[in-house]
N, C-alpha and C. Protein backbone atom coordinates (compact mmCIF):
# COMPACT_ATOMS: atom_id res chain seq x y z
N MET A 1 13.73 5.24 -11.23
CA MET A 1 13.79 3.79 -11.19
C MET A 1 13.37 3.26 -12.55
N ALA A 2 14.02 2.24 -12.96
CA ALA A 2 13.73 1.66 -14.27
C ALA A 2 12.31 1.11 -14.28
N GLU A 3 11.63 1.36 -15.38
CA GLU A 3 10.26 0.88 -15.52
C GLU A 3 10.20 -0.64 -15.51
N VAL A 4 11.28 -1.28 -15.88
CA VAL A 4 11.31 -2.73 -15.94
C VAL A 4 11.22 -3.34 -14.54
N ALA A 5 11.77 -2.67 -13.54
CA ALA A 5 11.82 -3.22 -12.18
C ALA A 5 10.51 -3.04 -11.42
N ARG A 6 9.64 -2.17 -11.87
CA ARG A 6 8.41 -1.89 -11.13
C ARG A 6 7.52 -3.11 -11.00
N ARG A 7 7.30 -3.79 -12.10
CA ARG A 7 6.39 -4.93 -12.11
C ARG A 7 6.87 -6.05 -11.19
N PRO A 8 8.13 -6.50 -11.25
CA PRO A 8 8.57 -7.56 -10.34
C PRO A 8 8.52 -7.15 -8.87
N ILE A 9 8.82 -5.88 -8.58
CA ILE A 9 8.76 -5.42 -7.19
C ILE A 9 7.34 -5.52 -6.66
N ALA A 10 6.37 -5.06 -7.45
CA ALA A 10 4.98 -5.12 -7.02
C ALA A 10 4.51 -6.57 -6.86
N LEU A 11 4.94 -7.44 -7.76
CA LEU A 11 4.52 -8.85 -7.67
C LEU A 11 5.15 -9.54 -6.46
N VAL A 12 6.41 -9.24 -6.17
CA VAL A 12 7.05 -9.82 -4.98
C VAL A 12 6.38 -9.29 -3.71
N THR A 13 6.05 -8.01 -3.69
CA THR A 13 5.34 -7.44 -2.55
C THR A 13 4.00 -8.14 -2.34
N ALA A 14 3.28 -8.37 -3.43
CA ALA A 14 2.00 -9.07 -3.34
C ALA A 14 2.18 -10.49 -2.80
N ALA A 15 3.21 -11.18 -3.26
CA ALA A 15 3.45 -12.55 -2.79
C ALA A 15 3.80 -12.57 -1.30
N VAL A 16 4.62 -11.63 -0.86
CA VAL A 16 5.01 -11.58 0.55
C VAL A 16 3.79 -11.27 1.44
N LEU A 17 2.99 -10.30 1.03
CA LEU A 17 1.81 -9.95 1.82
C LEU A 17 0.78 -11.07 1.82
N LEU A 18 0.65 -11.75 0.70
CA LEU A 18 -0.30 -12.87 0.63
C LEU A 18 0.18 -14.04 1.49
N ALA A 19 1.48 -14.25 1.57
CA ALA A 19 2.01 -15.31 2.44
C ALA A 19 1.88 -14.93 3.91
N GLU A 20 1.92 -13.65 4.19
CA GLU A 20 1.83 -13.17 5.56
C GLU A 20 0.40 -13.25 6.12
N ALA A 21 -0.59 -13.15 5.25
CA ALA A 21 -1.99 -13.12 5.69
C ALA A 21 -2.40 -14.38 6.46
N PRO A 22 -2.22 -15.59 5.93
CA PRO A 22 -2.60 -16.77 6.73
C PRO A 22 -1.72 -16.94 7.96
N GLY A 23 -0.48 -16.45 7.90
CA GLY A 23 0.40 -16.54 9.07
C GLY A 23 -0.13 -15.74 10.24
N ILE A 24 -0.64 -14.54 9.99
CA ILE A 24 -1.16 -13.72 11.07
C ILE A 24 -2.46 -14.31 11.61
N VAL A 25 -3.26 -14.91 10.74
CA VAL A 25 -4.49 -15.58 11.21
C VAL A 25 -4.12 -16.77 12.08
N LEU A 26 -3.13 -17.54 11.67
CA LEU A 26 -2.69 -18.70 12.44
C LEU A 26 -2.12 -18.28 13.80
N LEU A 27 -1.34 -17.20 13.83
CA LEU A 27 -0.79 -16.70 15.08
C LEU A 27 -1.91 -16.30 16.05
N ASN A 28 -2.92 -15.62 15.55
CA ASN A 28 -4.04 -15.24 16.41
C ASN A 28 -4.87 -16.45 16.81
N ALA A 29 -4.94 -17.48 15.98
CA ALA A 29 -5.64 -18.70 16.35
C ALA A 29 -4.95 -19.38 17.53
N VAL A 30 -3.63 -19.40 17.50
CA VAL A 30 -2.87 -20.00 18.61
C VAL A 30 -3.09 -19.19 19.89
N MET A 31 -3.06 -17.86 19.77
CA MET A 31 -3.29 -17.03 20.95
C MET A 31 -4.71 -17.22 21.49
N ALA A 32 -5.69 -17.33 20.62
CA ALA A 32 -7.07 -17.56 21.07
C ALA A 32 -7.19 -18.91 21.76
N ARG A 33 -6.47 -19.89 21.27
CA ARG A 33 -6.51 -21.22 21.88
C ARG A 33 -5.92 -21.18 23.30
N PHE A 34 -4.82 -20.45 23.48
CA PHE A 34 -4.23 -20.30 24.81
C PHE A 34 -5.18 -19.58 25.77
N VAL A 35 -5.80 -18.51 25.29
CA VAL A 35 -6.73 -17.75 26.12
C VAL A 35 -7.90 -18.63 26.53
N GLU A 36 -8.39 -19.42 25.61
CA GLU A 36 -9.53 -20.30 25.90
C GLU A 36 -9.13 -21.43 26.85
N ALA A 37 -7.98 -22.04 26.63
CA ALA A 37 -7.56 -23.18 27.45
C ALA A 37 -7.26 -22.75 28.88
N GLN A 38 -6.73 -21.56 29.07
CA GLN A 38 -6.37 -21.11 30.41
C GLN A 38 -7.44 -20.22 31.02
N SER A 39 -8.53 -20.01 30.30
CA SER A 39 -9.64 -19.18 30.77
C SER A 39 -9.13 -17.83 31.26
N MET A 40 -8.30 -17.19 30.43
CA MET A 40 -7.69 -15.91 30.79
C MET A 40 -8.72 -14.79 30.74
N SER A 41 -8.49 -13.79 31.56
CA SER A 41 -9.37 -12.64 31.60
C SER A 41 -8.53 -11.40 31.80
N LEU A 42 -8.99 -10.28 31.29
CA LEU A 42 -8.31 -9.01 31.45
C LEU A 42 -9.24 -8.07 32.21
N ASP A 43 -8.90 -7.82 33.47
CA ASP A 43 -9.68 -6.92 34.33
C ASP A 43 -11.15 -7.33 34.39
N GLY A 44 -11.39 -8.64 34.55
CA GLY A 44 -12.74 -9.14 34.73
C GLY A 44 -13.53 -9.33 33.45
N LEU A 45 -12.90 -9.12 32.28
CA LEU A 45 -13.58 -9.31 31.00
C LEU A 45 -13.86 -10.79 30.79
N ASP A 46 -14.97 -11.10 30.23
CA ASP A 46 -15.36 -12.48 29.98
C ASP A 46 -14.32 -13.16 29.08
N PRO A 47 -13.82 -14.34 29.47
CA PRO A 47 -12.82 -15.04 28.64
C PRO A 47 -13.34 -15.36 27.24
N ASP A 48 -14.63 -15.61 27.10
CA ASP A 48 -15.17 -15.88 25.76
C ASP A 48 -15.08 -14.63 24.87
N ALA A 49 -15.25 -13.46 25.48
CA ALA A 49 -15.10 -12.22 24.73
C ALA A 49 -13.64 -12.03 24.29
N MET A 50 -12.71 -12.44 25.16
CA MET A 50 -11.30 -12.34 24.80
C MET A 50 -10.98 -13.26 23.62
N VAL A 51 -11.53 -14.47 23.64
CA VAL A 51 -11.30 -15.42 22.55
C VAL A 51 -11.90 -14.89 21.26
N THR A 52 -13.12 -14.39 21.33
CA THR A 52 -13.79 -13.85 20.15
C THR A 52 -13.03 -12.65 19.60
N GLY A 53 -12.56 -11.78 20.47
CA GLY A 53 -11.79 -10.62 20.03
C GLY A 53 -10.48 -11.00 19.38
N THR A 54 -9.84 -12.02 19.89
CA THR A 54 -8.57 -12.47 19.30
C THR A 54 -8.81 -13.05 17.91
N TRP A 55 -9.87 -13.84 17.78
CA TRP A 55 -10.21 -14.38 16.46
C TRP A 55 -10.56 -13.26 15.48
N ALA A 56 -11.35 -12.30 15.95
CA ALA A 56 -11.77 -11.19 15.08
C ALA A 56 -10.56 -10.38 14.62
N LEU A 57 -9.63 -10.12 15.54
CA LEU A 57 -8.42 -9.38 15.17
C LEU A 57 -7.60 -10.16 14.13
N GLY A 58 -7.48 -11.47 14.34
CA GLY A 58 -6.70 -12.29 13.41
C GLY A 58 -7.32 -12.32 12.02
N ILE A 59 -8.63 -12.52 11.97
CA ILE A 59 -9.31 -12.59 10.67
C ILE A 59 -9.30 -11.22 9.99
N GLY A 60 -9.55 -10.16 10.77
CA GLY A 60 -9.52 -8.81 10.19
C GLY A 60 -8.14 -8.45 9.66
N SER A 61 -7.10 -8.81 10.40
CA SER A 61 -5.73 -8.53 9.94
C SER A 61 -5.40 -9.34 8.69
N GLY A 62 -5.84 -10.59 8.65
CA GLY A 62 -5.60 -11.42 7.47
C GLY A 62 -6.30 -10.87 6.24
N VAL A 63 -7.53 -10.41 6.41
CA VAL A 63 -8.27 -9.84 5.28
C VAL A 63 -7.60 -8.54 4.82
N ALA A 64 -7.15 -7.73 5.76
CA ALA A 64 -6.47 -6.48 5.39
C ALA A 64 -5.17 -6.76 4.64
N LEU A 65 -4.41 -7.75 5.08
CA LEU A 65 -3.17 -8.10 4.38
C LEU A 65 -3.47 -8.66 2.99
N ALA A 66 -4.53 -9.45 2.89
CA ALA A 66 -4.91 -9.99 1.58
C ALA A 66 -5.36 -8.86 0.65
N ALA A 67 -6.05 -7.86 1.18
CA ALA A 67 -6.46 -6.71 0.37
C ALA A 67 -5.24 -5.92 -0.11
N CYS A 68 -4.26 -5.74 0.78
CA CYS A 68 -3.03 -5.06 0.39
C CYS A 68 -2.29 -5.87 -0.69
N ALA A 69 -2.29 -7.18 -0.54
CA ALA A 69 -1.65 -8.03 -1.54
C ALA A 69 -2.37 -7.91 -2.89
N LEU A 70 -3.69 -7.82 -2.85
CA LEU A 70 -4.46 -7.67 -4.08
C LEU A 70 -4.14 -6.35 -4.76
N VAL A 71 -4.02 -5.27 -3.99
CA VAL A 71 -3.67 -3.96 -4.56
C VAL A 71 -2.29 -4.03 -5.23
N ALA A 72 -1.32 -4.63 -4.54
CA ALA A 72 0.02 -4.75 -5.13
C ALA A 72 0.02 -5.66 -6.35
N LEU A 73 -0.77 -6.74 -6.30
CA LEU A 73 -0.86 -7.65 -7.43
C LEU A 73 -1.46 -6.96 -8.65
N LEU A 74 -2.52 -6.20 -8.44
CA LEU A 74 -3.14 -5.48 -9.56
C LEU A 74 -2.20 -4.42 -10.12
N ALA A 75 -1.45 -3.76 -9.26
CA ALA A 75 -0.48 -2.77 -9.74
C ALA A 75 0.58 -3.44 -10.59
N GLY A 76 1.05 -4.60 -10.16
CA GLY A 76 2.07 -5.31 -10.93
C GLY A 76 1.53 -5.89 -12.21
N ALA A 77 0.32 -6.42 -12.17
CA ALA A 77 -0.26 -7.05 -13.36
C ALA A 77 -0.61 -6.00 -14.42
N ARG A 78 -1.13 -4.86 -13.98
CA ARG A 78 -1.51 -3.80 -14.92
C ARG A 78 -0.37 -2.85 -15.26
N ASP A 79 0.68 -2.88 -14.44
CA ASP A 79 1.81 -1.96 -14.56
C ASP A 79 1.33 -0.51 -14.49
N ARG A 80 0.40 -0.28 -13.57
CA ARG A 80 -0.12 1.06 -13.31
C ARG A 80 -0.14 1.27 -11.81
N ARG A 81 -0.05 2.51 -11.39
CA ARG A 81 -0.04 2.78 -9.96
C ARG A 81 -1.42 2.50 -9.37
N PRO A 82 -1.47 2.11 -8.09
CA PRO A 82 -2.76 1.87 -7.45
C PRO A 82 -3.55 3.17 -7.36
N GLY A 83 -4.86 3.04 -7.23
CA GLY A 83 -5.71 4.21 -7.05
C GLY A 83 -5.49 4.84 -5.69
N ARG A 84 -6.25 5.87 -5.41
CA ARG A 84 -6.08 6.60 -4.15
C ARG A 84 -6.35 5.69 -2.96
N PHE A 85 -7.42 4.91 -3.00
CA PHE A 85 -7.73 4.00 -1.89
C PHE A 85 -6.64 2.95 -1.73
N GLY A 86 -6.16 2.40 -2.85
CA GLY A 86 -5.11 1.39 -2.81
C GLY A 86 -3.81 1.93 -2.24
N ARG A 87 -3.45 3.16 -2.63
CA ARG A 87 -2.24 3.77 -2.08
C ARG A 87 -2.39 4.01 -0.58
N GLY A 88 -3.58 4.42 -0.16
CA GLY A 88 -3.83 4.61 1.27
C GLY A 88 -3.74 3.31 2.03
N LEU A 89 -4.27 2.24 1.43
CA LEU A 89 -4.21 0.92 2.06
C LEU A 89 -2.77 0.44 2.20
N LEU A 90 -1.98 0.60 1.16
CA LEU A 90 -0.58 0.20 1.21
C LEU A 90 0.22 1.06 2.19
N THR A 91 -0.09 2.35 2.24
CA THR A 91 0.59 3.23 3.19
C THR A 91 0.28 2.83 4.62
N GLY A 92 -0.99 2.55 4.90
CA GLY A 92 -1.38 2.09 6.24
C GLY A 92 -0.70 0.79 6.60
N CYS A 93 -0.61 -0.12 5.64
CA CYS A 93 0.05 -1.40 5.87
C CYS A 93 1.53 -1.20 6.19
N ALA A 94 2.18 -0.28 5.49
CA ALA A 94 3.59 0.00 5.77
C ALA A 94 3.77 0.60 7.16
N ILE A 95 2.87 1.49 7.56
CA ILE A 95 2.95 2.10 8.89
C ILE A 95 2.77 1.05 9.98
N VAL A 96 1.80 0.16 9.80
CA VAL A 96 1.57 -0.89 10.80
C VAL A 96 2.78 -1.81 10.89
N HIS A 97 3.38 -2.16 9.76
CA HIS A 97 4.57 -3.01 9.78
C HIS A 97 5.74 -2.31 10.47
N ALA A 98 5.87 -1.00 10.25
CA ALA A 98 6.96 -0.26 10.90
C ALA A 98 6.76 -0.23 12.41
N LEU A 99 5.53 0.01 12.85
CA LEU A 99 5.25 0.02 14.30
C LEU A 99 5.46 -1.36 14.91
N LEU A 100 5.01 -2.40 14.21
CA LEU A 100 5.23 -3.76 14.71
C LEU A 100 6.72 -4.09 14.76
N GLY A 101 7.49 -3.58 13.81
CA GLY A 101 8.93 -3.78 13.82
C GLY A 101 9.57 -3.15 15.04
N ALA A 102 9.11 -1.95 15.39
CA ALA A 102 9.65 -1.27 16.57
C ALA A 102 9.35 -2.04 17.84
N VAL A 103 8.17 -2.63 17.92
CA VAL A 103 7.80 -3.43 19.10
C VAL A 103 8.54 -4.77 19.07
N ALA A 104 8.65 -5.36 17.88
CA ALA A 104 9.25 -6.69 17.76
C ALA A 104 10.73 -6.71 18.13
N VAL A 105 11.44 -5.60 17.89
CA VAL A 105 12.86 -5.60 18.22
C VAL A 105 13.07 -5.76 19.72
N GLY A 106 12.16 -5.26 20.52
CA GLY A 106 12.28 -5.41 21.97
C GLY A 106 11.75 -6.73 22.48
N LEU A 107 10.68 -7.23 21.87
CA LEU A 107 10.04 -8.45 22.37
C LEU A 107 10.61 -9.73 21.77
N ILE A 108 10.94 -9.70 20.49
CA ILE A 108 11.35 -10.93 19.80
C ILE A 108 12.83 -10.90 19.45
N GLY A 109 13.29 -9.80 18.89
CA GLY A 109 14.70 -9.70 18.53
C GLY A 109 14.90 -9.04 17.18
N TRP A 110 16.16 -8.93 16.80
CA TRP A 110 16.53 -8.23 15.58
C TRP A 110 16.11 -8.97 14.33
N GLY A 111 15.99 -10.27 14.38
CA GLY A 111 15.56 -11.03 13.20
C GLY A 111 14.15 -10.67 12.78
N ALA A 112 13.24 -10.59 13.77
CA ALA A 112 11.86 -10.20 13.46
C ALA A 112 11.81 -8.76 12.96
N PHE A 113 12.63 -7.90 13.56
CA PHE A 113 12.70 -6.51 13.12
C PHE A 113 13.14 -6.44 11.65
N ALA A 114 14.19 -7.18 11.31
CA ALA A 114 14.70 -7.17 9.94
C ALA A 114 13.65 -7.67 8.95
N LEU A 115 12.92 -8.71 9.32
CA LEU A 115 11.88 -9.25 8.44
C LEU A 115 10.77 -8.22 8.23
N LEU A 116 10.34 -7.57 9.30
CA LEU A 116 9.28 -6.57 9.16
C LEU A 116 9.76 -5.36 8.38
N MET A 117 11.01 -4.97 8.54
CA MET A 117 11.54 -3.84 7.77
C MET A 117 11.70 -4.20 6.30
N LEU A 118 11.96 -5.47 6.01
CA LEU A 118 12.01 -5.92 4.62
C LEU A 118 10.64 -5.74 3.97
N VAL A 119 9.58 -6.10 4.70
CA VAL A 119 8.22 -5.93 4.18
C VAL A 119 7.91 -4.44 4.00
N VAL A 120 8.30 -3.62 4.98
CA VAL A 120 8.09 -2.17 4.85
C VAL A 120 8.81 -1.65 3.60
N GLY A 121 10.03 -2.09 3.40
CA GLY A 121 10.79 -1.66 2.23
C GLY A 121 10.13 -2.05 0.92
N LEU A 122 9.60 -3.26 0.86
CA LEU A 122 8.92 -3.70 -0.36
C LEU A 122 7.67 -2.87 -0.63
N ILE A 123 6.90 -2.61 0.42
CA ILE A 123 5.67 -1.82 0.24
C ILE A 123 6.02 -0.40 -0.21
N VAL A 124 6.98 0.22 0.46
CA VAL A 124 7.36 1.59 0.11
C VAL A 124 7.96 1.64 -1.29
N LEU A 125 8.76 0.65 -1.64
CA LEU A 125 9.34 0.61 -2.98
C LEU A 125 8.26 0.47 -4.04
N THR A 126 7.23 -0.31 -3.74
CA THR A 126 6.11 -0.43 -4.67
C THR A 126 5.41 0.92 -4.84
N LEU A 127 5.20 1.62 -3.73
CA LEU A 127 4.54 2.93 -3.82
C LEU A 127 5.40 3.95 -4.56
N VAL A 128 6.71 3.93 -4.33
CA VAL A 128 7.60 4.90 -4.97
C VAL A 128 7.79 4.57 -6.44
N ALA A 129 7.87 3.29 -6.76
CA ALA A 129 8.08 2.89 -8.16
C ALA A 129 6.92 3.32 -9.04
N TYR A 130 5.72 3.34 -8.49
CA TYR A 130 4.55 3.80 -9.23
C TYR A 130 4.16 5.19 -8.75
N GLY A 131 5.14 6.05 -8.57
CA GLY A 131 4.94 7.37 -7.98
C GLY A 131 3.96 8.26 -8.70
N LYS A 132 4.44 9.00 -9.68
CA LYS A 132 3.61 10.00 -10.35
C LYS A 132 2.97 9.40 -11.59
N GLU A 133 1.78 9.87 -11.88
CA GLU A 133 1.05 9.38 -13.06
C GLU A 133 1.81 9.71 -14.34
N ALA A 134 2.56 10.81 -14.34
CA ALA A 134 3.30 11.20 -15.53
C ALA A 134 4.41 10.21 -15.85
N ASP A 135 4.85 9.44 -14.87
CA ASP A 135 5.92 8.47 -15.10
C ASP A 135 5.42 7.14 -15.65
N VAL A 136 4.11 6.95 -15.67
CA VAL A 136 3.55 5.68 -16.11
C VAL A 136 3.52 5.64 -17.63
N PRO A 137 3.95 4.51 -18.24
CA PRO A 137 3.93 4.43 -19.69
C PRO A 137 2.51 4.58 -20.22
N GLY A 138 2.40 5.22 -21.38
CA GLY A 138 1.10 5.37 -22.01
C GLY A 138 0.41 6.69 -21.67
N THR A 139 0.96 7.45 -20.73
CA THR A 139 0.39 8.74 -20.39
C THR A 139 0.91 9.76 -21.40
N PRO A 140 0.00 10.50 -22.07
CA PRO A 140 0.49 11.47 -23.06
C PRO A 140 1.28 12.58 -22.39
N GLN A 141 2.40 12.94 -22.98
CA GLN A 141 3.25 13.99 -22.46
C GLN A 141 3.19 15.19 -23.40
N ALA A 142 3.30 16.37 -22.82
CA ALA A 142 3.34 17.59 -23.62
C ALA A 142 4.70 17.68 -24.31
N PRO A 143 4.72 18.00 -25.59
CA PRO A 143 6.01 18.18 -26.25
C PRO A 143 6.71 19.41 -25.70
N ALA A 144 8.01 19.44 -25.82
CA ALA A 144 8.79 20.58 -25.33
C ALA A 144 8.33 21.84 -26.05
N GLY A 145 8.08 22.88 -25.29
CA GLY A 145 7.65 24.15 -25.86
C GLY A 145 6.17 24.23 -26.15
N ALA A 146 5.38 23.27 -25.68
CA ALA A 146 3.93 23.29 -25.93
C ALA A 146 3.29 24.43 -25.17
N ARG A 147 2.21 24.94 -25.71
CA ARG A 147 1.48 26.04 -25.09
C ARG A 147 0.09 25.56 -24.68
N GLY A 148 -0.30 25.93 -23.47
CA GLY A 148 -1.62 25.59 -22.96
C GLY A 148 -2.60 26.71 -23.23
N PRO A 149 -3.77 26.69 -22.56
CA PRO A 149 -4.77 27.74 -22.74
C PRO A 149 -4.19 29.10 -22.39
N GLY A 150 -4.48 30.10 -23.20
CA GLY A 150 -4.00 31.45 -22.96
C GLY A 150 -2.54 31.65 -23.32
N GLY A 151 -1.93 30.67 -24.01
CA GLY A 151 -0.54 30.79 -24.44
C GLY A 151 0.48 30.53 -23.36
N VAL A 152 0.05 29.95 -22.22
CA VAL A 152 0.96 29.66 -21.12
C VAL A 152 1.79 28.43 -21.48
N ALA A 153 3.11 28.51 -21.28
CA ALA A 153 3.99 27.38 -21.58
C ALA A 153 3.70 26.23 -20.64
N VAL A 154 3.65 25.00 -21.17
CA VAL A 154 3.41 23.80 -20.39
C VAL A 154 4.73 23.06 -20.27
N PRO A 155 5.19 22.77 -19.02
CA PRO A 155 6.43 22.00 -18.87
C PRO A 155 6.31 20.64 -19.54
N ALA A 156 7.41 20.11 -20.02
CA ALA A 156 7.41 18.84 -20.72
C ALA A 156 7.03 17.67 -19.82
N SER A 157 7.11 17.82 -18.49
CA SER A 157 6.81 16.71 -17.60
C SER A 157 5.32 16.60 -17.30
N ARG A 158 4.53 17.58 -17.70
CA ARG A 158 3.09 17.53 -17.43
C ARG A 158 2.35 16.95 -18.62
N PRO A 159 1.17 16.36 -18.37
CA PRO A 159 0.38 15.85 -19.50
C PRO A 159 -0.03 17.00 -20.43
N ALA A 160 -0.16 16.67 -21.68
CA ALA A 160 -0.55 17.67 -22.67
C ALA A 160 -1.97 18.12 -22.39
N PRO A 161 -2.26 19.43 -22.60
CA PRO A 161 -3.62 19.92 -22.38
C PRO A 161 -4.55 19.40 -23.46
N GLU A 162 -5.80 19.25 -23.08
CA GLU A 162 -6.82 18.82 -24.03
C GLU A 162 -7.08 19.96 -25.00
N PRO A 163 -7.16 19.67 -26.30
CA PRO A 163 -7.47 20.75 -27.22
C PRO A 163 -8.92 21.19 -27.02
N GLY A 164 -9.14 22.47 -27.05
CA GLY A 164 -10.48 22.99 -26.86
C GLY A 164 -10.61 24.32 -27.54
N PRO A 165 -11.73 24.97 -27.32
CA PRO A 165 -11.93 26.29 -27.96
C PRO A 165 -10.96 27.30 -27.37
N GLU A 166 -10.56 28.24 -28.19
CA GLU A 166 -9.68 29.31 -27.75
C GLU A 166 -10.46 30.20 -26.79
N PRO A 167 -9.81 30.70 -25.75
CA PRO A 167 -10.51 31.61 -24.84
C PRO A 167 -10.89 32.90 -25.55
N ALA A 168 -12.04 33.44 -25.16
CA ALA A 168 -12.52 34.68 -25.78
C ALA A 168 -11.66 35.85 -25.33
N ALA A 169 -11.50 36.81 -26.24
CA ALA A 169 -10.71 38.00 -25.91
C ALA A 169 -11.51 38.84 -24.93
N PRO A 170 -10.84 39.53 -23.99
CA PRO A 170 -11.56 40.37 -23.04
C PRO A 170 -12.34 41.47 -23.75
N ALA A 171 -13.47 41.85 -23.16
CA ALA A 171 -14.32 42.89 -23.76
C ALA A 171 -13.57 44.21 -23.81
N GLY A 172 -13.71 44.91 -24.88
CA GLY A 172 -13.09 46.22 -25.04
C GLY A 172 -11.66 46.15 -25.52
N ALA A 173 -11.22 45.01 -25.97
CA ALA A 173 -9.83 44.91 -26.42
C ALA A 173 -9.72 45.09 -27.89
């Protein structure tokens, strides 16, 4: 993938996830309002606990989406791949969106499925565009035919080895 396209993809992903965060909080606020107004209960559970749980889920989901948006925004702004935690966060976000898409196609329809799959595609494209560290600009590359420690050939796609002391010859040689 062209290095030029990575930054806009990550920034669009961040914008979509950031727009989605208050939407999910608002959706859970509406559900909490319905539960409270109708004094709903699940198997004898206190309705106030149901309201509190709905609010907690909404706020937690909104914070998680905002964190994912921040990871994508930082990747786009720095033009570097996210760290291990950030990649894990984005991967988890993509998995949750895929599962919600599978549920949404049955409950809401194909439009909701398409929207959720668009978000999954953006997240995965962001992760793939910033795939390997060797593909990131500014990473030193080994020249063709370079030799590493012990005279072992280093492929051109790997980072160049750090120069250091030559290994000692084996005893008795």
